């Protein structure tokens, strides 16, 4: 399963910012097989994805789009927690 969230922000007449965030279950590596360095890099990648997702948070909290966004955000945060827990295990 793959999710893509797109956002276009218009700033005045001269500037338009477009970006998208993509997440796919197939892209999720097995963190148990990763080294500390790989986990740290993956943690940074997840933090970036969460920040990008934060930037495109839908305004209407009652919409289906917001529900989808919130589910995606929660999935990324859960994965980040798993990575941080695994790092703690390896660094003990």
N, C-alpha and C. Protein backbone atom coordinates (compact mmCIF):
# COMPACT_ATOMS: atom_id res chain seq x y z
N UNK A 1 0.83 -1.18 0.00
CA UNK A 1 0.00 0.00 0.00
C UNK A 1 0.88 1.24 0.00
N UNK A 2 0.51 2.23 -0.77
CA UNK A 2 1.29 3.44 -0.88
C UNK A 2 0.37 4.64 -0.75
N UNK A 3 0.83 5.65 -0.02
CA UNK A 3 0.06 6.87 0.16
C UNK A 3 0.89 8.04 -0.33
N UNK A 4 0.26 8.95 -1.06
CA UNK A 4 0.93 10.15 -1.52
C UNK A 4 0.07 11.35 -1.12
N UNK A 5 0.69 12.29 -0.44
CA UNK A 5 0.03 13.51 -0.03
C UNK A 5 0.68 14.67 -0.75
N UNK A 6 -0.15 15.49 -1.40
CA UNK A 6 0.38 16.61 -2.17
C UNK A 6 -0.19 17.91 -1.62
N UNK A 7 0.62 18.95 -1.72
CA UNK A 7 0.19 20.26 -1.23
C UNK A 7 0.78 21.33 -2.14
N UNK A 8 -0.01 22.34 -2.42
CA UNK A 8 0.46 23.50 -3.16
C UNK A 8 0.15 24.73 -2.31
N UNK A 9 1.18 25.53 -2.07
CA UNK A 9 1.03 26.73 -1.27
C UNK A 9 1.36 27.93 -2.15
N UNK A 10 0.43 28.87 -2.25
CA UNK A 10 0.65 30.07 -3.04
C UNK A 10 0.97 31.21 -2.10
N UNK A 11 2.08 31.88 -2.38
CA UNK A 11 2.51 33.02 -1.57
C UNK A 11 2.52 34.23 -2.49
N UNK A 12 1.51 35.05 -2.35
CA UNK A 12 1.40 36.20 -3.23
C UNK A 12 1.17 35.78 -4.66
N UNK A 13 1.55 36.64 -5.60
CA UNK A 13 1.38 36.35 -7.02
C UNK A 13 2.61 35.70 -7.63
N UNK A 14 3.75 35.81 -6.95
CA UNK A 14 5.00 35.40 -7.58
C UNK A 14 5.50 34.01 -7.18
N UNK A 15 5.10 33.52 -6.02
CA UNK A 15 5.71 32.29 -5.52
C UNK A 15 4.64 31.22 -5.25
N UNK A 16 4.89 30.04 -5.79
CA UNK A 16 4.06 28.87 -5.51
C UNK A 16 4.98 27.73 -5.12
N UNK A 17 4.70 27.11 -3.99
CA UNK A 17 5.50 25.99 -3.52
C UNK A 17 4.66 24.73 -3.67
N UNK A 18 5.22 23.71 -4.33
CA UNK A 18 4.55 22.43 -4.49
C UNK A 18 5.44 21.35 -3.92
N UNK A 19 4.84 20.42 -3.18
CA UNK A 19 5.61 19.28 -2.71
C UNK A 19 4.67 18.13 -2.40
N UNK A 20 5.25 16.93 -2.27
CA UNK A 20 4.47 15.76 -1.94
C UNK A 20 5.27 14.88 -1.00
N UNK A 21 4.54 14.09 -0.22
CA UNK A 21 5.15 13.13 0.70
C UNK A 21 4.57 11.77 0.34
N UNK A 22 5.46 10.79 0.15
CA UNK A 22 5.03 9.45 -0.21
C UNK A 22 5.50 8.47 0.85
N UNK A 23 4.60 7.59 1.21
CA UNK A 23 4.95 6.51 2.14
C UNK A 23 4.33 5.23 1.62
N UNK A 24 5.12 4.18 1.67
CA UNK A 24 4.65 2.89 1.21
C UNK A 24 5.09 1.82 2.20
N UNK A 25 4.19 0.90 2.52
CA UNK A 25 4.54 -0.21 3.41
C UNK A 25 5.69 -1.03 2.84
N UNK A 26 5.76 -1.13 1.52
CA UNK A 26 6.82 -1.89 0.88
C UNK A 26 8.18 -1.25 1.11
N UNK A 27 8.20 0.06 1.43
CA UNK A 27 9.45 0.79 1.64
C UNK A 27 9.98 0.63 3.06
N UNK A 28 9.25 -0.06 3.92
CA UNK A 28 9.64 -0.17 5.32
C UNK A 28 10.66 -1.28 5.49
N UNK A 29 11.89 -0.92 5.89
CA UNK A 29 12.92 -1.94 6.07
C UNK A 29 12.74 -2.70 7.39
N UNK A 30 13.44 -3.80 7.51
CA UNK A 30 13.42 -4.58 8.74
C UNK A 30 14.45 -3.97 9.69
N UNK A 31 13.97 -3.26 10.70
CA UNK A 31 14.89 -2.54 11.58
C UNK A 31 15.73 -3.48 12.44
N UNK A 32 15.29 -4.71 12.61
CA UNK A 32 16.08 -5.67 13.40
C UNK A 32 17.37 -6.06 12.70
N UNK A 33 17.43 -5.88 11.39
CA UNK A 33 18.62 -6.22 10.62
C UNK A 33 19.54 -5.03 10.37
N UNK A 34 19.19 -3.86 10.91
CA UNK A 34 19.94 -2.64 10.63
C UNK A 34 21.01 -2.39 11.69
N UNK A 35 22.12 -1.77 11.25
CA UNK A 35 23.17 -1.37 12.17
C UNK A 35 22.77 -0.06 12.86
N UNK A 36 23.52 0.34 13.86
CA UNK A 36 23.25 1.60 14.55
C UNK A 36 23.29 2.77 13.57
N UNK A 37 24.28 2.77 12.70
CA UNK A 37 24.41 3.86 11.71
C UNK A 37 23.21 3.88 10.76
N UNK A 38 22.77 2.72 10.32
CA UNK A 38 21.61 2.64 9.43
C UNK A 38 20.34 3.11 10.15
N UNK A 39 20.22 2.72 11.41
CA UNK A 39 19.06 3.14 12.19
C UNK A 39 19.04 4.65 12.40
N UNK A 40 20.20 5.22 12.66
CA UNK A 40 20.27 6.68 12.84
C UNK A 40 19.90 7.41 11.56
N UNK A 41 20.37 6.91 10.43
CA UNK A 41 20.02 7.52 9.14
C UNK A 41 18.53 7.36 8.86
N UNK A 42 17.99 6.19 9.19
CA UNK A 42 16.56 5.95 8.97
C UNK A 42 15.72 6.84 9.89
N UNK A 43 16.19 7.03 11.12
CA UNK A 43 15.49 7.92 12.05
C UNK A 43 15.42 9.34 11.47
N UNK A 44 16.52 9.82 10.92
CA UNK A 44 16.53 11.14 10.30
C UNK A 44 15.56 11.22 9.13
N UNK A 45 15.52 10.16 8.33
CA UNK A 45 14.60 10.10 7.19
C UNK A 45 13.15 10.17 7.67
N UNK A 46 12.83 9.42 8.71
CA UNK A 46 11.47 9.44 9.25
C UNK A 46 11.12 10.80 9.83
N UNK A 47 12.07 11.43 10.52
CA UNK A 47 11.82 12.76 11.07
C UNK A 47 11.55 13.77 9.97
N UNK A 48 12.28 13.65 8.85
CA UNK A 48 12.04 14.52 7.70
C UNK A 48 10.65 14.29 7.12
N UNK A 49 10.27 13.02 6.98
CA UNK A 49 8.94 12.71 6.43
C UNK A 49 7.84 13.26 7.33
N UNK A 50 8.03 13.15 8.64
CA UNK A 50 7.03 13.68 9.58
C UNK A 50 6.95 15.20 9.44
N UNK A 51 8.09 15.86 9.34
CA UNK A 51 8.11 17.33 9.17
C UNK A 51 7.41 17.73 7.87
N UNK A 52 7.67 16.99 6.79
CA UNK A 52 7.01 17.28 5.52
C UNK A 52 5.50 17.08 5.64
N UNK A 53 5.11 16.03 6.34
CA UNK A 53 3.69 15.76 6.52
C UNK A 53 3.05 16.84 7.38
N UNK A 54 3.77 17.30 8.40
CA UNK A 54 3.26 18.39 9.24
C UNK A 54 2.98 19.64 8.41
N UNK A 55 3.82 19.88 7.42
CA UNK A 55 3.68 21.07 6.59
C UNK A 55 2.44 21.05 5.70
N UNK A 56 1.88 19.87 5.50
CA UNK A 56 0.71 19.78 4.61
C UNK A 56 -0.54 19.31 5.37
N UNK A 57 -0.55 19.55 6.66
CA UNK A 57 -1.70 19.14 7.47
C UNK A 57 -2.97 19.83 6.95
N UNK A 58 -3.98 19.04 6.62
CA UNK A 58 -5.25 19.64 6.14
C UNK A 58 -5.89 20.50 7.24
N UNK A 59 -6.49 21.58 6.83
CA UNK A 59 -7.08 22.52 7.78
C UNK A 59 -8.36 21.97 8.41
N UNK A 60 -9.14 21.24 7.64
CA UNK A 60 -10.44 20.74 8.11
C UNK A 60 -10.26 19.41 8.83
N UNK A 61 -10.25 19.45 10.16
CA UNK A 61 -10.03 18.25 10.96
C UNK A 61 -11.19 17.26 10.89
N UNK A 62 -12.28 17.65 10.28
CA UNK A 62 -13.44 16.77 10.15
C UNK A 62 -13.49 16.07 8.80
N UNK A 63 -12.52 16.37 7.93
CA UNK A 63 -12.55 15.81 6.57
C UNK A 63 -11.91 14.43 6.49
N UNK A 64 -12.27 13.70 5.44
CA UNK A 64 -11.64 12.41 5.17
C UNK A 64 -10.16 12.59 4.88
N UNK A 65 -9.82 13.68 4.22
CA UNK A 65 -8.42 13.97 3.90
C UNK A 65 -7.61 14.10 5.19
N UNK A 66 -8.19 14.76 6.18
CA UNK A 66 -7.49 14.91 7.46
C UNK A 66 -7.34 13.55 8.14
N UNK A 67 -8.37 12.73 8.08
CA UNK A 67 -8.29 11.38 8.68
C UNK A 67 -7.17 10.57 8.05
N UNK A 68 -7.07 10.63 6.73
CA UNK A 68 -6.00 9.93 6.03
C UNK A 68 -4.63 10.47 6.44
N UNK A 69 -4.54 11.80 6.51
CA UNK A 69 -3.29 12.45 6.92
C UNK A 69 -2.91 12.01 8.34
N UNK A 70 -3.87 12.01 9.25
CA UNK A 70 -3.61 11.65 10.64
C UNK A 70 -3.16 10.19 10.76
N UNK A 71 -3.78 9.31 9.99
CA UNK A 71 -3.37 7.90 9.99
C UNK A 71 -1.93 7.76 9.52
N UNK A 72 -1.60 8.45 8.46
CA UNK A 72 -0.24 8.41 7.92
C UNK A 72 0.76 8.97 8.94
N UNK A 73 0.41 10.06 9.56
CA UNK A 73 1.27 10.70 10.56
C UNK A 73 1.51 9.75 11.73
N UNK A 74 0.46 9.13 12.19
CA UNK A 74 0.57 8.19 13.31
C UNK A 74 1.44 6.99 12.94
N UNK A 75 1.28 6.48 11.72
CA UNK A 75 2.10 5.35 11.27
C UNK A 75 3.59 5.71 11.28
N UNK A 76 3.91 6.90 10.79
CA UNK A 76 5.30 7.34 10.77
C UNK A 76 5.85 7.53 12.19
N UNK A 77 5.03 8.11 13.07
CA UNK A 77 5.47 8.29 14.45
C UNK A 77 5.68 6.94 15.15
N UNK A 78 4.80 5.99 14.88
CA UNK A 78 4.96 4.64 15.46
C UNK A 78 6.25 3.99 14.97
N UNK A 79 6.53 4.14 13.69
CA UNK A 79 7.75 3.57 13.13
C UNK A 79 8.98 4.26 13.73
N UNK A 80 8.91 5.57 13.90
CA UNK A 80 10.01 6.30 14.52
C UNK A 80 10.24 5.80 15.95
N UNK A 81 9.16 5.57 16.68
CA UNK A 81 9.29 5.03 18.05
C UNK A 81 9.98 3.67 18.03
N UNK A 82 9.63 2.83 17.08
CA UNK A 82 10.25 1.50 16.97
C UNK A 82 11.75 1.62 16.68
N UNK A 83 12.11 2.55 15.81
CA UNK A 83 13.52 2.76 15.48
C UNK A 83 14.27 3.25 16.71
N UNK A 84 13.69 4.19 17.44
CA UNK A 84 14.35 4.71 18.63
C UNK A 84 14.47 3.64 19.71
N UNK A 85 13.46 2.79 19.85
CA UNK A 85 13.55 1.69 20.82
C UNK A 85 14.66 0.72 20.43
N UNK A 86 14.77 0.43 19.14
CA UNK A 86 15.81 -0.48 18.68
C UNK A 86 17.20 0.13 18.89
N UNK A 87 17.33 1.42 18.66
CA UNK A 87 18.60 2.09 18.92
C UNK A 87 18.97 1.99 20.40
N UNK A 88 17.98 2.19 21.26
CA UNK A 88 18.23 2.06 22.71
C UNK A 88 18.72 0.67 23.05
N UNK A 89 18.10 -0.35 22.45
CA UNK A 89 18.50 -1.74 22.71
C UNK A 89 19.96 -1.98 22.30
N UNK A 90 20.33 -1.45 21.15
CA UNK A 90 21.68 -1.69 20.62
C UNK A 90 22.74 -0.88 21.36
N UNK A 91 22.35 0.20 21.96
CA UNK A 91 23.33 1.07 22.62
C UNK A 91 23.46 0.80 24.12
N UNK A 92 22.75 -0.20 24.62
CA UNK A 92 22.84 -0.54 26.04
C UNK A 92 24.08 -1.34 26.33
